[in-house]
Full PDB file with SEQRES, HELIX, SHEET, SSBOND, CRYST1, ORIGX, SCALE, CONECT and MASTER records, all heavy atoms in Angstrom:
SEQRES   1 A   41  ARG ASP VAL TRP ASP THR ALA ALA GLU ILE PRO GLN GLU          
SEQRES   2 A   41  GLY TYR PHE ARG ALA CYS ARG GLU PHE ASN ASP ASP VAL          
SEQRES   3 A   41  SER ARG ARG THR CYS PRO THR CYS ASP THR GLU HIS ALA          
SEQRES   4 A   41  PRO ILE                                                      
HELIX    1 AA1 PRO A   11  ASP A   24  1                                  14    
CRYST1    1.000    1.000    1.000  90.00  90.00  90.00 P 1           1          
ORIGX1      1.000000  0.000000  0.000000        0.00000                         
ORIGX2      0.000000  1.000000  0.000000        0.00000                         
ORIGX3      0.000000  0.000000  1.000000        0.00000                         
SCALE1      1.000000  0.000000  0.000000        0.00000                         
SCALE2      0.000000  1.000000  0.000000        0.00000                         
SCALE3      0.000000  0.000000  1.000000        0.00000                         
ATOM      1  N   ARG A   1     -58.636  -8.958   0.318  1.00  0.00           N  
ATOM      2  CA  ARG A   1     -58.685 -10.324   0.845  1.00  0.00           C  
ATOM      3  C   ARG A   1     -57.320 -10.693   1.393  1.00  0.00           C  
ATOM      4  O   ARG A   1     -56.301 -10.310   0.847  1.00  0.00           O  
ATOM      5  CB  ARG A   1     -59.088 -11.304  -0.249  1.00  0.00           C  
ATOM      6  CG  ARG A   1     -59.166 -12.751   0.214  1.00  0.00           C  
ATOM      7  CD  ARG A   1     -59.552 -13.686  -0.915  1.00  0.00           C  
ATOM      8  NE  ARG A   1     -60.913 -13.410  -1.356  1.00  0.00           N  
ATOM      9  CZ  ARG A   1     -61.762 -14.330  -1.789  1.00  0.00           C  
ATOM     10  NH1 ARG A   1     -61.379 -15.592  -1.861  1.00  0.00           N  
ATOM     11  NH2 ARG A   1     -62.965 -14.002  -2.180  1.00  0.00           N  
ATOM     12  N   ASP A   2     -57.321 -11.476   2.475  1.00  0.00           N  
ATOM     13  CA  ASP A   2     -56.083 -11.973   3.064  1.00  0.00           C  
ATOM     14  C   ASP A   2     -56.276 -13.465   3.337  1.00  0.00           C  
ATOM     15  O   ASP A   2     -57.261 -13.847   3.964  1.00  0.00           O  
ATOM     16  CB  ASP A   2     -55.786 -11.224   4.365  1.00  0.00           C  
ATOM     17  CG  ASP A   2     -54.373 -11.463   4.839  1.00  0.00           C  
ATOM     18  OD1 ASP A   2     -54.093 -12.591   5.291  1.00  0.00           O  
ATOM     19  OD2 ASP A   2     -53.553 -10.544   4.756  1.00  0.00           O  
ATOM     20  N   VAL A   3     -55.343 -14.295   2.854  1.00  0.00           N  
ATOM     21  CA  VAL A   3     -55.432 -15.749   2.984  1.00  0.00           C  
ATOM     22  C   VAL A   3     -54.224 -16.250   3.762  1.00  0.00           C  
ATOM     23  O   VAL A   3     -53.118 -15.754   3.581  1.00  0.00           O  
ATOM     24  CB  VAL A   3     -55.446 -16.420   1.585  1.00  0.00           C  
ATOM     25  CG1 VAL A   3     -55.565 -17.932   1.709  1.00  0.00           C  
ATOM     26  CG2 VAL A   3     -56.558 -15.851   0.722  1.00  0.00           C  
ATOM     27  N   TRP A   4     -54.441 -17.263   4.627  1.00  0.00           N  
ATOM     28  CA  TRP A   4     -53.331 -17.872   5.361  1.00  0.00           C  
ATOM     29  C   TRP A   4     -53.617 -19.353   5.580  1.00  0.00           C  
ATOM     30  O   TRP A   4     -54.756 -19.793   5.493  1.00  0.00           O  
ATOM     31  CB  TRP A   4     -53.073 -17.165   6.696  1.00  0.00           C  
ATOM     32  CG  TRP A   4     -54.199 -17.286   7.664  1.00  0.00           C  
ATOM     33  CD1 TRP A   4     -54.377 -18.239   8.627  1.00  0.00           C  
ATOM     34  CD2 TRP A   4     -55.327 -16.423   7.772  1.00  0.00           C  
ATOM     35  NE1 TRP A   4     -55.546 -18.028   9.314  1.00  0.00           N  
ATOM     36  CE2 TRP A   4     -56.145 -16.910   8.801  1.00  0.00           C  
ATOM     37  CE3 TRP A   4     -55.736 -15.286   7.079  1.00  0.00           C  
ATOM     38  CZ2 TRP A   4     -57.347 -16.306   9.172  1.00  0.00           C  
ATOM     39  CZ3 TRP A   4     -56.930 -14.682   7.441  1.00  0.00           C  
ATOM     40  CH2 TRP A   4     -57.715 -15.184   8.476  1.00  0.00           C  
ATOM     41  N   ASP A   5     -52.565 -20.084   5.867  1.00  0.00           N  
ATOM     42  CA  ASP A   5     -52.657 -21.509   6.170  1.00  0.00           C  
ATOM     43  C   ASP A   5     -52.738 -21.655   7.692  1.00  0.00           C  
ATOM     44  O   ASP A   5     -51.826 -21.229   8.408  1.00  0.00           O  
ATOM     45  CB  ASP A   5     -51.439 -22.244   5.618  1.00  0.00           C  
ATOM     46  CG  ASP A   5     -51.536 -23.753   5.769  1.00  0.00           C  
ATOM     47  OD1 ASP A   5     -52.358 -24.240   6.574  1.00  0.00           O  
ATOM     48  OD2 ASP A   5     -50.758 -24.446   5.089  1.00  0.00           O  
ATOM     49  N   THR A   6     -53.799 -22.270   8.185  1.00  0.00           N  
ATOM     50  CA  THR A   6     -53.997 -22.393   9.631  1.00  0.00           C  
ATOM     51  C   THR A   6     -52.991 -23.343  10.281  1.00  0.00           C  
ATOM     52  O   THR A   6     -52.885 -23.369  11.503  1.00  0.00           O  
ATOM     53  CB  THR A   6     -55.421 -22.850   9.964  1.00  0.00           C  
ATOM     54  OG1 THR A   6     -55.670 -24.128   9.369  1.00  0.00           O  
ATOM     55  CG2 THR A   6     -56.448 -21.833   9.468  1.00  0.00           C  
ATOM     56  N   ALA A   7     -52.232 -24.089   9.484  1.00  0.00           N  
ATOM     57  CA  ALA A   7     -51.168 -24.924  10.056  1.00  0.00           C  
ATOM     58  C   ALA A   7     -50.005 -24.057  10.521  1.00  0.00           C  
ATOM     59  O   ALA A   7     -49.259 -24.440  11.432  1.00  0.00           O  
ATOM     60  CB  ALA A   7     -50.683 -25.948   9.033  1.00  0.00           C  
ATOM     61  N   ALA A   8     -49.849 -22.880   9.916  1.00  0.00           N  
ATOM     62  CA  ALA A   8     -48.757 -21.974  10.282  1.00  0.00           C  
ATOM     63  C   ALA A   8     -49.242 -20.798  11.132  1.00  0.00           C  
ATOM     64  O   ALA A   8     -48.506 -20.309  11.985  1.00  0.00           O  
ATOM     65  CB  ALA A   8     -48.093 -21.443   9.014  1.00  0.00           C  
ATOM     66  N   GLU A   9     -50.442 -20.333  10.876  1.00  0.00           N  
ATOM     67  CA  GLU A   9     -50.989 -19.167  11.564  1.00  0.00           C  
ATOM     68  C   GLU A   9     -52.413 -19.507  11.995  1.00  0.00           C  
ATOM     69  O   GLU A   9     -53.274 -19.737  11.148  1.00  0.00           O  
ATOM     70  CB  GLU A   9     -50.979 -17.957  10.622  1.00  0.00           C  
ATOM     71  CG  GLU A   9     -51.417 -16.667  11.241  1.00  0.00           C  
ATOM     72  CD  GLU A   9     -51.297 -15.486  10.273  1.00  0.00           C  
ATOM     73  OE1 GLU A   9     -51.434 -15.686   9.049  1.00  0.00           O  
ATOM     74  OE2 GLU A   9     -51.067 -14.380  10.757  1.00  0.00           O  
ATOM     75  N   ILE A  10     -52.645 -19.576  13.303  1.00  0.00           N  
ATOM     76  CA  ILE A  10     -53.982 -19.948  13.767  1.00  0.00           C  
ATOM     77  C   ILE A  10     -54.977 -18.843  13.401  1.00  0.00           C  
ATOM     78  O   ILE A  10     -54.587 -17.691  13.182  1.00  0.00           O  
ATOM     79  CB  ILE A  10     -53.995 -20.290  15.276  1.00  0.00           C  
ATOM     80  CG1 ILE A  10     -53.591 -19.097  16.125  1.00  0.00           C  
ATOM     81  CG2 ILE A  10     -53.131 -21.506  15.561  1.00  0.00           C  
ATOM     82  CD1 ILE A  10     -53.699 -19.373  17.626  1.00  0.00           C  
ATOM     83  N   PRO A  11     -56.258 -19.198  13.282  1.00  0.00           N  
ATOM     84  CA  PRO A  11     -57.243 -18.227  12.796  1.00  0.00           C  
ATOM     85  C   PRO A  11     -57.213 -16.877  13.508  1.00  0.00           C  
ATOM     86  O   PRO A  11     -57.237 -15.828  12.854  1.00  0.00           O  
ATOM     87  CB  PRO A  11     -58.574 -18.948  12.998  1.00  0.00           C  
ATOM     88  CG  PRO A  11     -58.231 -20.394  12.825  1.00  0.00           C  
ATOM     89  CD  PRO A  11     -56.876 -20.526  13.478  1.00  0.00           C  
ATOM     90  N   GLN A  12     -57.144 -16.877  14.829  1.00  0.00           N  
ATOM     91  CA  GLN A  12     -57.188 -15.618  15.566  1.00  0.00           C  
ATOM     92  C   GLN A  12     -55.987 -14.735  15.237  1.00  0.00           C  
ATOM     93  O   GLN A  12     -56.116 -13.510  15.162  1.00  0.00           O  
ATOM     94  CB  GLN A  12     -57.254 -15.883  17.077  1.00  0.00           C  
ATOM     95  CG  GLN A  12     -58.512 -16.582  17.519  1.00  0.00           C  
ATOM     96  CD  GLN A  12     -58.484 -18.091  17.298  1.00  0.00           C  
ATOM     97  OE1 GLN A  12     -57.532 -18.663  16.767  1.00  0.00           O  
ATOM     98  NE2 GLN A  12     -59.542 -18.768  17.712  1.00  0.00           N  
ATOM     99  N   GLU A  13     -54.816 -15.340  15.018  1.00  0.00           N  
ATOM    100  CA  GLU A  13     -53.647 -14.572  14.583  1.00  0.00           C  
ATOM    101  C   GLU A  13     -53.902 -13.968  13.203  1.00  0.00           C  
ATOM    102  O   GLU A  13     -53.558 -12.813  12.945  1.00  0.00           O  
ATOM    103  CB  GLU A  13     -52.411 -15.466  14.533  1.00  0.00           C  
ATOM    104  CG  GLU A  13     -51.924 -15.926  15.881  1.00  0.00           C  
ATOM    105  CD  GLU A  13     -50.883 -17.042  15.800  1.00  0.00           C  
ATOM    106  OE1 GLU A  13     -50.813 -17.777  14.793  1.00  0.00           O  
ATOM    107  OE2 GLU A  13     -50.123 -17.171  16.781  1.00  0.00           O  
ATOM    108  N   GLY A  14     -54.495 -14.763  12.329  1.00  0.00           N  
ATOM    109  CA  GLY A  14     -54.802 -14.285  10.985  1.00  0.00           C  
ATOM    110  C   GLY A  14     -55.810 -13.147  10.993  1.00  0.00           C  
ATOM    111  O   GLY A  14     -55.637 -12.157  10.274  1.00  0.00           O  
ATOM    112  N   TYR A  15     -56.869 -13.262  11.800  1.00  0.00           N  
ATOM    113  CA  TYR A  15     -57.870 -12.188  11.880  1.00  0.00           C  
ATOM    114  C   TYR A  15     -57.205 -10.883  12.312  1.00  0.00           C  
ATOM    115  O   TYR A  15     -57.425  -9.832  11.713  1.00  0.00           O  
ATOM    116  CB  TYR A  15     -58.974 -12.499  12.892  1.00  0.00           C  
ATOM    117  CG  TYR A  15     -59.715 -13.801  12.724  1.00  0.00           C  
ATOM    118  CD1 TYR A  15     -60.344 -14.383  13.809  1.00  0.00           C  
ATOM    119  CD2 TYR A  15     -59.806 -14.455  11.499  1.00  0.00           C  
ATOM    120  CE1 TYR A  15     -61.037 -15.567  13.693  1.00  0.00           C  
ATOM    121  CE2 TYR A  15     -60.491 -15.647  11.372  1.00  0.00           C  
ATOM    122  CZ  TYR A  15     -61.110 -16.212  12.478  1.00  0.00           C  
ATOM    123  OH  TYR A  15     -61.792 -17.387  12.370  1.00  0.00           O  
ATOM    124  N   PHE A  16     -56.421 -10.972  13.393  1.00  0.00           N  
ATOM    125  CA  PHE A  16     -55.806  -9.778  13.966  1.00  0.00           C  
ATOM    126  C   PHE A  16     -54.815  -9.151  12.988  1.00  0.00           C  
ATOM    127  O   PHE A  16     -54.849  -7.937  12.731  1.00  0.00           O  
ATOM    128  CB  PHE A  16     -55.133 -10.140  15.293  1.00  0.00           C  
ATOM    129  CG  PHE A  16     -54.715  -8.963  16.116  1.00  0.00           C  
ATOM    130  CD1 PHE A  16     -55.617  -7.988  16.490  1.00  0.00           C  
ATOM    131  CD2 PHE A  16     -53.407  -8.839  16.539  1.00  0.00           C  
ATOM    132  CE1 PHE A  16     -55.234  -6.903  17.259  1.00  0.00           C  
ATOM    133  CE2 PHE A  16     -53.004  -7.757  17.313  1.00  0.00           C  
ATOM    134  CZ  PHE A  16     -53.918  -6.787  17.666  1.00  0.00           C  
ATOM    135  N   ARG A  17     -53.950  -9.969  12.405  1.00  0.00           N  
ATOM    136  CA  ARG A  17     -52.954  -9.456  11.455  1.00  0.00           C  
ATOM    137  C   ARG A  17     -53.637  -8.840  10.233  1.00  0.00           C  
ATOM    138  O   ARG A  17     -53.301  -7.734   9.800  1.00  0.00           O  
ATOM    139  CB  ARG A  17     -52.003 -10.569  11.016  1.00  0.00           C  
ATOM    140  CG  ARG A  17     -50.950 -10.099  10.014  1.00  0.00           C  
ATOM    141  CD  ARG A  17     -50.188 -11.249   9.388  1.00  0.00           C  
ATOM    142  NE  ARG A  17     -51.043 -12.331   8.922  1.00  0.00           N  
ATOM    143  CZ  ARG A  17     -51.816 -12.279   7.835  1.00  0.00           C  
ATOM    144  NH1 ARG A  17     -51.870 -11.179   7.090  1.00  0.00           N  
ATOM    145  NH2 ARG A  17     -52.549 -13.308   7.476  1.00  0.00           N  
ATOM    146  N   ALA A  18     -54.608  -9.563   9.663  1.00  0.00           N  
ATOM    147  CA  ALA A  18     -55.279  -9.078   8.452  1.00  0.00           C  
ATOM    148  C   ALA A  18     -56.000  -7.759   8.708  1.00  0.00           C  
ATOM    149  O   ALA A  18     -55.949  -6.849   7.860  1.00  0.00           O  
ATOM    150  CB  ALA A  18     -56.249 -10.132   7.935  1.00  0.00           C  
ATOM    151  N   CYS A  19     -56.654  -7.632   9.845  1.00  0.00           N  
ATOM    152  CA  CYS A  19     -57.355  -6.378  10.162  1.00  0.00           C  
ATOM    153  C   CYS A  19     -56.371  -5.232  10.376  1.00  0.00           C  
ATOM    154  O   CYS A  19     -56.623  -4.107   9.928  1.00  0.00           O  
ATOM    155  CB  CYS A  19     -58.250  -6.559  11.386  1.00  0.00           C  
ATOM    156  SG  CYS A  19     -59.725  -7.553  11.073  1.00  0.00           S  
ATOM    157  N   ARG A  20     -55.251  -5.506  11.037  1.00  0.00           N  
ATOM    158  CA  ARG A  20     -54.233  -4.455  11.221  1.00  0.00           C  
ATOM    159  C   ARG A  20     -53.685  -4.004   9.870  1.00  0.00           C  
ATOM    160  O   ARG A  20     -53.532  -2.800   9.619  1.00  0.00           O  
ATOM    161  CB  ARG A  20     -53.099  -4.959  12.111  1.00  0.00           C  
ATOM    162  CG  ARG A  20     -53.412  -4.942  13.584  1.00  0.00           C  
ATOM    163  CD  ARG A  20     -52.161  -5.153  14.442  1.00  0.00           C  
ATOM    164  NE  ARG A  20     -51.139  -5.931  13.801  1.00  0.00           N  
ATOM    165  CZ  ARG A  20     -50.781  -7.170  14.137  1.00  0.00           C  
ATOM    166  NH1 ARG A  20     -51.346  -7.780  15.148  1.00  0.00           N  
ATOM    167  NH2 ARG A  20     -49.840  -7.818  13.473  1.00  0.00           N  
ATOM    168  N   GLU A  21     -53.405  -4.962   8.984  1.00  0.00           N  
ATOM    169  CA  GLU A  21     -52.884  -4.616   7.659  1.00  0.00           C  
ATOM    170  C   GLU A  21     -53.922  -3.856   6.840  1.00  0.00           C  
ATOM    171  O   GLU A  21     -53.582  -2.921   6.111  1.00  0.00           O  
ATOM    172  CB  GLU A  21     -52.414  -5.872   6.928  1.00  0.00           C  
ATOM    173  CG  GLU A  21     -51.154  -6.464   7.541  1.00  0.00           C  
ATOM    174  CD  GLU A  21     -50.746  -7.796   6.940  1.00  0.00           C  
ATOM    175  OE1 GLU A  21     -51.428  -8.289   6.007  1.00  0.00           O  
ATOM    176  OE2 GLU A  21     -49.741  -8.362   7.408  1.00  0.00           O  
ATOM    177  N   PHE A  22     -55.180  -4.233   6.958  1.00  0.00           N  
ATOM    178  CA  PHE A  22     -56.279  -3.518   6.293  1.00  0.00           C  
ATOM    179  C   PHE A  22     -56.317  -2.074   6.798  1.00  0.00           C  
ATOM    180  O   PHE A  22     -56.415  -1.128   6.012  1.00  0.00           O  
ATOM    181  CB  PHE A  22     -57.595  -4.246   6.583  1.00  0.00           C  
ATOM    182  CG  PHE A  22     -58.804  -3.642   5.940  1.00  0.00           C  
ATOM    183  CD1 PHE A  22     -59.113  -3.880   4.608  1.00  0.00           C  
ATOM    184  CD2 PHE A  22     -59.675  -2.852   6.682  1.00  0.00           C  
ATOM    185  CE1 PHE A  22     -60.251  -3.335   4.022  1.00  0.00           C  
ATOM    186  CE2 PHE A  22     -60.817  -2.307   6.111  1.00  0.00           C  
ATOM    187  CZ  PHE A  22     -61.101  -2.547   4.772  1.00  0.00           C  
ATOM    188  N   ASN A  23     -56.209  -1.900   8.106  1.00  0.00           N  
ATOM    189  CA  ASN A  23     -56.241  -0.565   8.703  1.00  0.00           C  
ATOM    190  C   ASN A  23     -55.057   0.289   8.270  1.00  0.00           C  
ATOM    191  O   ASN A  23     -55.200   1.492   8.050  1.00  0.00           O  
ATOM    192  CB  ASN A  23     -56.251  -0.653  10.230  1.00  0.00           C  
ATOM    193  CG  ASN A  23     -57.589  -1.065  10.782  1.00  0.00           C  
ATOM    194  OD1 ASN A  23     -58.579  -1.160  10.069  1.00  0.00           O  
ATOM    195  ND2 ASN A  23     -57.627  -1.337  12.068  1.00  0.00           N  
ATOM    196  N   ASP A  24     -53.880  -0.326   8.158  1.00  0.00           N  
ATOM    197  CA  ASP A  24     -52.641   0.413   7.905  1.00  0.00           C  
ATOM    198  C   ASP A  24     -52.425   0.816   6.448  1.00  0.00           C  
ATOM    199  O   ASP A  24     -51.557   1.625   6.161  1.00  0.00           O  
ATOM    200  CB  ASP A  24     -51.430  -0.399   8.372  1.00  0.00           C  
ATOM    201  CG  ASP A  24     -51.382  -0.553   9.880  1.00  0.00           C  
ATOM    202  OD1 ASP A  24     -52.084   0.203  10.595  1.00  0.00           O  
ATOM    203  OD2 ASP A  24     -50.640  -1.453  10.351  1.00  0.00           O  
ATOM    204  N   ASP A  25     -53.210   0.256   5.536  1.00  0.00           N  
ATOM    205  CA  ASP A  25     -52.968   0.487   4.110  1.00  0.00           C  
ATOM    206  C   ASP A  25     -54.242   1.015   3.448  1.00  0.00           C  
ATOM    207  O   ASP A  25     -55.171   0.245   3.186  1.00  0.00           O  
ATOM    208  CB  ASP A  25     -52.513  -0.819   3.458  1.00  0.00           C  
ATOM    209  CG  ASP A  25     -52.119  -0.661   2.005  1.00  0.00           C  
ATOM    210  OD1 ASP A  25     -52.334   0.418   1.410  1.00  0.00           O  
ATOM    211  OD2 ASP A  25     -51.594  -1.646   1.441  1.00  0.00           O  
ATOM    212  N   VAL A  26     -54.288   2.315   3.180  1.00  0.00           N  
ATOM    213  CA  VAL A  26     -55.486   2.916   2.590  1.00  0.00           C  
ATOM    214  C   VAL A  26     -55.826   2.284   1.239  1.00  0.00           C  
ATOM    215  O   VAL A  26     -57.001   2.185   0.877  1.00  0.00           O  
ATOM    216  CB  VAL A  26     -55.362   4.454   2.498  1.00  0.00           C  
ATOM    217  CG1 VAL A  26     -54.364   4.868   1.435  1.00  0.00           C  
ATOM    218  CG2 VAL A  26     -56.707   5.100   2.276  1.00  0.00           C  
ATOM    219  N   SER A  27     -54.824   1.810   0.502  1.00  0.00           N  
ATOM    220  CA  SER A  27     -55.114   1.177  -0.793  1.00  0.00           C  
ATOM    221  C   SER A  27     -55.885  -0.132  -0.605  1.00  0.00           C  
ATOM    222  O   SER A  27     -56.695  -0.496  -1.455  1.00  0.00           O  
ATOM    223  CB  SER A  27     -53.834   0.936  -1.593  1.00  0.00           C  
ATOM    224  OG  SER A  27     -53.026  -0.038  -0.982  1.00  0.00           O  
ATOM    225  N   ARG A  28     -55.662  -0.824   0.521  1.00  0.00           N  
ATOM    226  CA  ARG A  28     -56.418  -2.057   0.804  1.00  0.00           C  
ATOM    227  C   ARG A  28     -57.852  -1.747   1.218  1.00  0.00           C  
ATOM    228  O   ARG A  28     -58.710  -2.608   1.145  1.00  0.00           O  
ATOM    229  CB  ARG A  28     -55.733  -2.866   1.899  1.00  0.00           C  
ATOM    230  CG  ARG A  28     -54.414  -3.463   1.420  1.00  0.00           C  
ATOM    231  CD  ARG A  28     -53.901  -4.492   2.343  1.00  0.00           C  
ATOM    232  NE  ARG A  28     -54.799  -5.648   2.315  1.00  0.00           N  
ATOM    233  CZ  ARG A  28     -54.701  -6.679   3.132  1.00  0.00           C  
ATOM    234  NH1 ARG A  28     -53.774  -6.704   4.049  1.00  0.00           N  
ATOM    235  NH2 ARG A  28     -55.527  -7.688   3.060  1.00  0.00           N  
ATOM    236  N   ARG A  29     -58.091  -0.526   1.691  1.00  0.00           N  
ATOM    237  CA  ARG A  29     -59.432  -0.124   2.130  1.00  0.00           C  
ATOM    238  C   ARG A  29     -60.205   0.610   1.042  1.00  0.00           C  
ATOM    239  O   ARG A  29     -61.344   1.012   1.263  1.00  0.00           O  
ATOM    240  CB  ARG A  29     -59.337   0.766   3.375  1.00  0.00           C  
ATOM    241  CG  ARG A  29     -58.762   0.077   4.583  1.00  0.00           C  
ATOM    242  CD  ARG A  29     -58.991   0.858   5.869  1.00  0.00           C  
ATOM    243  NE  ARG A  29     -58.896   2.291   5.737  1.00  0.00           N  
ATOM    244  CZ  ARG A  29     -57.807   3.025   5.968  1.00  0.00           C  
ATOM    245  NH1 ARG A  29     -56.685   2.430   6.341  1.00  0.00           N  
ATOM    246  NH2 ARG A  29     -57.822   4.332   5.836  1.00  0.00           N  
ATOM    247  N   THR A  30     -59.593   0.798  -0.120  1.00  0.00           N  
ATOM    248  CA  THR A  30     -60.242   1.538  -1.198  1.00  0.00           C  
ATOM    249  C   THR A  30     -60.765   0.570  -2.249  1.00  0.00           C  
ATOM    250  O   THR A  30     -60.016  -0.259  -2.772  1.00  0.00           O  
ATOM    251  CB  THR A  30     -59.257   2.541  -1.832  1.00  0.00           C  
ATOM    252  OG1 THR A  30     -58.784   3.413  -0.795  1.00  0.00           O  
ATOM    253  CG2 THR A  30     -59.919   3.357  -2.915  1.00  0.00           C  
ATOM    254  N   CYS A  31     -62.049   0.687  -2.554  1.00  0.00           N  
ATOM    255  CA  CYS A  31     -62.678  -0.204  -3.537  1.00  0.00           C  
ATOM    256  C   CYS A  31     -62.065   0.032  -4.911  1.00  0.00           C  
ATOM    257  O   CYS A  31     -62.039   1.162  -5.399  1.00  0.00           O  
ATOM    258  CB  CYS A  31     -64.188   0.051  -3.588  1.00  0.00           C  
ATOM    259  SG  CYS A  31     -65.033  -0.987  -4.793  1.00  0.00           S  
ATOM    260  N   PRO A  32     -61.574  -1.037  -5.552  1.00  0.00           N  
ATOM    261  CA  PRO A  32     -60.974  -0.880  -6.876  1.00  0.00           C  
ATOM    262  C   PRO A  32     -62.008  -0.585  -7.964  1.00  0.00           C  
ATOM    263  O   PRO A  32     -61.647  -0.149  -9.051  1.00  0.00           O  
ATOM    264  CB  PRO A  32     -60.277  -2.225  -7.120  1.00  0.00           C  
ATOM    265  CG  PRO A  32     -61.003  -3.194  -6.255  1.00  0.00           C  
ATOM    266  CD  PRO A  32     -61.488  -2.411  -5.063  1.00  0.00           C  
ATOM    267  N   THR A  33     -63.288  -0.806  -7.665  1.00  0.00           N  
ATOM    268  CA  THR A  33     -64.337  -0.584  -8.662  1.00  0.00           C  
ATOM    269  C   THR A  33     -64.905   0.832  -8.599  1.00  0.00           C  
ATOM    270  O   THR A  33     -65.013   1.502  -9.617  1.00  0.00           O  
ATOM    271  CB  THR A  33     -65.473  -1.609  -8.468  1.00  0.00           C  
ATOM    272  OG1 THR A  33     -64.909  -2.920  -8.556  1.00  0.00           O  
ATOM    273  CG2 THR A  33     -66.550  -1.453  -9.513  1.00  0.00           C  
ATOM    274  N   CYS A  34     -65.255   1.299  -7.395  1.00  0.00           N  
ATOM    275  CA  CYS A  34     -65.923   2.600  -7.280  1.00  0.00           C  
ATOM    276  C   CYS A  34     -65.107   3.641  -6.516  1.00  0.00           C  
ATOM    277  O   CYS A  34     -65.582   4.751  -6.302  1.00  0.00           O  
ATOM    278  CB  CYS A  34     -67.303   2.434  -6.647  1.00  0.00           C  
ATOM    279  SG  CYS A  34     -67.274   1.992  -4.896  1.00  0.00           S  
ATOM    280  N   ASP A  35     -63.892   3.281  -6.081  1.00  0.00           N  
ATOM    281  CA  ASP A  35     -62.974   4.188  -5.370  1.00  0.00           C  
ATOM    282  C   ASP A  35     -63.470   4.650  -4.005  1.00  0.00           C  
ATOM    283  O   ASP A  35     -62.949   5.618  -3.455  1.00  0.00           O  
ATOM    284  CB  ASP A  35     -62.617   5.420  -6.223  1.00  0.00           C  
ATOM    285  CG  ASP A  35     -61.707   5.065  -7.384  1.00  0.00           C  
ATOM    286  OD1 ASP A  35     -60.906   4.122  -7.236  1.00  0.00           O  
ATOM    287  OD2 ASP A  35     -61.809   5.723  -8.437  1.00  0.00           O  
ATOM    288  N   THR A  36     -64.447   3.962  -3.427  1.00  0.00           N  
ATOM    289  CA  THR A  36     -64.892   4.304  -2.081  1.00  0.00           C  
ATOM    290  C   THR A  36     -63.831   3.878  -1.081  1.00  0.00           C  
ATOM    291  O   THR A  36     -63.375   2.732  -1.103  1.00  0.00           O  
ATOM    292  CB  THR A  36     -66.224   3.595  -1.741  1.00  0.00           C  
ATOM    293  OG1 THR A  36     -67.216   4.016  -2.663  1.00  0.00           O  
ATOM    294  CG2 THR A  36     -66.673   3.891  -0.320  1.00  0.00           C  
ATOM    295  N   GLU A  37     -63.430   4.807  -0.210  1.00  0.00           N  
ATOM    296  CA  GLU A  37     -62.472   4.476   0.843  1.00  0.00           C  
ATOM    297  C   GLU A  37     -63.243   4.042   2.082  1.00  0.00           C  
ATOM    298  O   GLU A  37     -64.098   4.773   2.579  1.00  0.00           O  
ATOM    299  CB  GLU A  37     -61.590   5.674   1.182  1.00  0.00           C  
ATOM    300  CG  GLU A  37     -60.542   5.341   2.222  1.00  0.00           C  
ATOM    301  CD  GLU A  37     -59.672   6.529   2.596  1.00  0.00           C  
ATOM    302  OE1 GLU A  37     -59.355   7.345   1.708  1.00  0.00           O  
ATOM    303  OE2 GLU A  37     -59.304   6.637   3.786  1.00  0.00           O  
ATOM    304  N   HIS A  38     -62.937   2.842   2.573  1.00  0.00           N  
ATOM    305  CA  HIS A  38     -63.616   2.284   3.742  1.00  0.00           C  
ATOM    306  C   HIS A  38     -62.844   2.629   5.008  1.00  0.00           C  
ATOM    307  O   HIS A  38     -61.614   2.692   5.001  1.00  0.00           O  
ATOM    308  CB  HIS A  38     -63.801   0.779   3.572  1.00  0.00           C  
ATOM    309  CG  HIS A  38     -64.677   0.466   2.398  1.00  0.00           C  
ATOM    310  ND1 HIS A  38     -66.029   0.370   2.497  1.00  0.00           N  
ATOM    311  CD2 HIS A  38     -64.377   0.285   1.089  1.00  0.00           C  
ATOM    312  CE1 HIS A  38     -66.543   0.122   1.295  1.00  0.00           C  
ATOM    313  NE2 HIS A  38     -65.550   0.071   0.420  1.00  0.00           N  
ATOM    314  N   ALA A  39     -63.565   2.842   6.074  1.00  0.00           N  
ATOM    315  CA  ALA A  39     -62.967   3.241   7.352  1.00  0.00           C  
ATOM    316  C   ALA A  39     -62.146   2.100   7.941  1.00  0.00           C  
ATOM    317  O   ALA A  39     -62.453   0.918   7.726  1.00  0.00           O  
ATOM    318  CB  ALA A  39     -64.061   3.649   8.331  1.00  0.00           C  
ATOM    319  N   PRO A  40     -61.124   2.444   8.725  1.00  0.00           N  
ATOM    320  CA  PRO A  40     -60.387   1.412   9.454  1.00  0.00           C  
ATOM    321  C   PRO A  40     -61.311   0.704  10.450  1.00  0.00           C  
ATOM    322  O   PRO A  40     -62.335   1.248  10.869  1.00  0.00           O  
ATOM    323  CB  PRO A  40     -59.300   2.192  10.193  1.00  0.00           C  
ATOM    324  CG  PRO A  40     -59.197   3.496   9.492  1.00  0.00           C  
ATOM    325  CD  PRO A  40     -60.557   3.780   8.934  1.00  0.00           C  
ATOM    326  N   ILE A  41     -60.929  -0.498  10.833  1.00  0.00           N  
ATOM    327  CA  ILE A  41     -61.694  -1.307  11.783  1.00  0.00           C  
ATOM    328  C   ILE A  41     -61.254  -0.954  13.195  1.00  0.00           C  
ATOM    329  O   ILE A  41     -60.053  -0.926  13.483  1.00  0.00           O  
ATOM    330  CB  ILE A  41     -61.447  -2.808  11.516  1.00  0.00           C  
ATOM    331  CG1 ILE A  41     -61.922  -3.165  10.108  1.00  0.00           C  
ATOM    332  CG2 ILE A  41     -62.126  -3.668  12.569  1.00  0.00           C  
ATOM    333  CD1 ILE A  41     -61.350  -4.456   9.603  1.00  0.00           C  
TER     334      ILE A  41                                                      
MASTER        0    0    0    1    0    0    0    6  333    1    0    4          
END                                                                             
């Protein structure tokens, strides 16, 4: 999960940044419950 304040970061900036960070970090794409690694977006 990625949370931001829209007063500082508009939604589209948040979507793009959060997806890039999700893609760049395999630990963020790996389920903590079942260890399934999800593909980058």
